[in-house]
Amino acid sequence: MNRLIDVKTGDSAVFVSIEGGCGVIKRLSEMGLVPGETIKVLNGSGIGPVTLFVKGTKLVLGYGLARKIFVKEVLG
């Protein structure tokens, strides 16, 4: 399992879990980030905000929040 910030720009991953409280989990689920959901990293430079594509929508997450998200990279 990797952190979202470790996924390279252009790669896809499956959302697994988040290291955070109920408020963060609720906020992310309202944005479509739920366990099992495939996300594509549109821009993740290693520092700064991370831009994602989830369920047909672009999302921008701050580095601190993205760092708390665990994903499983999609192979192939």
Protein backbone atom coordinates (compact mmCIF):
# COMPACT_ATOMS: atom_id res chain seq x y z
CA MET A 1 0.00 0.00 0.00
CA ASN A 2 1.26 3.48 -0.90
CA ARG A 3 0.36 7.01 0.02
CA LEU A 4 -1.43 9.11 -2.58
CA ILE A 5 1.52 11.51 -2.71
CA ASP A 6 3.71 8.64 -3.97
CA VAL A 7 1.59 8.00 -7.08
CA LYS A 8 3.14 9.53 -10.19
CA THR A 9 1.32 12.01 -12.42
CA GLY A 10 -0.73 10.13 -15.01
CA ASP A 11 -0.98 6.92 -12.96
CA SER A 12 -4.16 5.47 -11.48
CA ALA A 13 -4.73 3.96 -8.06
CA VAL A 14 -7.54 2.53 -5.96
CA PHE A 15 -8.50 4.38 -2.79
CA VAL A 16 -8.00 2.09 0.23
CA SER A 17 -8.18 4.17 3.42
CA ILE A 18 -7.41 7.46 5.12
CA GLU A 19 -5.50 8.24 8.26
CA GLY A 20 -7.87 10.74 9.84
CA GLY A 21 -10.93 11.43 11.93
CA CYS A 22 -14.62 11.23 11.15
CA GLY A 23 -14.74 14.76 9.72
CA VAL A 24 -12.04 14.09 7.15
CA ILE A 25 -13.54 10.74 6.18
CA LYS A 26 -16.98 12.32 5.73
CA ARG A 27 -15.58 15.22 3.69
CA LEU A 28 -13.70 12.90 1.33
CA SER A 29 -16.65 10.54 0.90
CA GLU A 30 -18.84 13.50 -0.03
CA MET A 31 -16.29 14.30 -2.75
CA GLY A 32 -16.50 10.74 -4.09
CA LEU A 33 -13.40 9.32 -2.44
CA VAL A 34 -14.65 6.07 -0.99
CA PRO A 35 -12.83 2.75 -0.53
CA GLY A 36 -12.53 0.85 -3.81
CA GLU A 37 -12.87 3.97 -5.97
CA THR A 38 -10.33 4.37 -8.80
CA ILE A 39 -8.57 7.72 -8.94
CA LYS A 40 -6.21 9.13 -11.54
CA VAL A 41 -3.49 11.57 -10.50
CA LEU A 42 -3.50 14.49 -12.93
CA ASN A 43 -0.81 16.49 -11.16
CA GLY A 44 1.26 15.39 -8.22
CA SER A 45 4.62 17.12 -8.20
CA GLY A 46 5.70 15.65 -4.87
CA ILE A 47 5.05 18.85 -2.93
CA GLY A 48 2.06 21.15 -3.01
CA PRO A 49 -1.49 20.32 -4.05
CA VAL A 50 -2.44 17.07 -5.78
CA THR A 51 -4.99 17.17 -8.61
CA LEU A 52 -7.13 14.05 -9.03
CA PHE A 53 -9.78 12.79 -11.41
CA VAL A 54 -12.53 10.90 -9.56
CA LYS A 55 -15.95 9.90 -10.90
CA GLY A 56 -15.69 12.36 -13.82
CA THR A 57 -14.68 15.28 -11.59
CA LYS A 58 -11.38 17.03 -10.93
CA LEU A 59 -10.46 17.41 -7.26
CA VAL A 60 -7.56 19.32 -5.75
CA LEU A 61 -6.31 18.21 -2.35
CA GLY A 62 -3.67 19.89 -0.25
CA TYR A 63 -0.42 18.02 0.31
CA GLY A 64 -1.18 17.40 4.01
CA LEU A 65 -4.51 15.73 3.26
CA ALA A 66 -3.16 13.79 0.26
CA ARG A 67 -0.36 12.47 2.48
CA LYS A 68 -2.94 10.82 4.75
CA ILE A 69 -4.62 8.88 1.92
CA PHE A 70 -3.56 5.29 1.28
CA VAL A 71 -3.99 3.74 -2.15
CA LYS A 72 -3.19 0.58 -4.06
CA GLU A 73 -1.67 1.25 -7.47
CA VAL A 74 -3.42 -0.18 -10.52
CA LEU A 75 -1.09 -2.43 -12.47
CA GLY A 76 -0.99 -2.72 -16.22
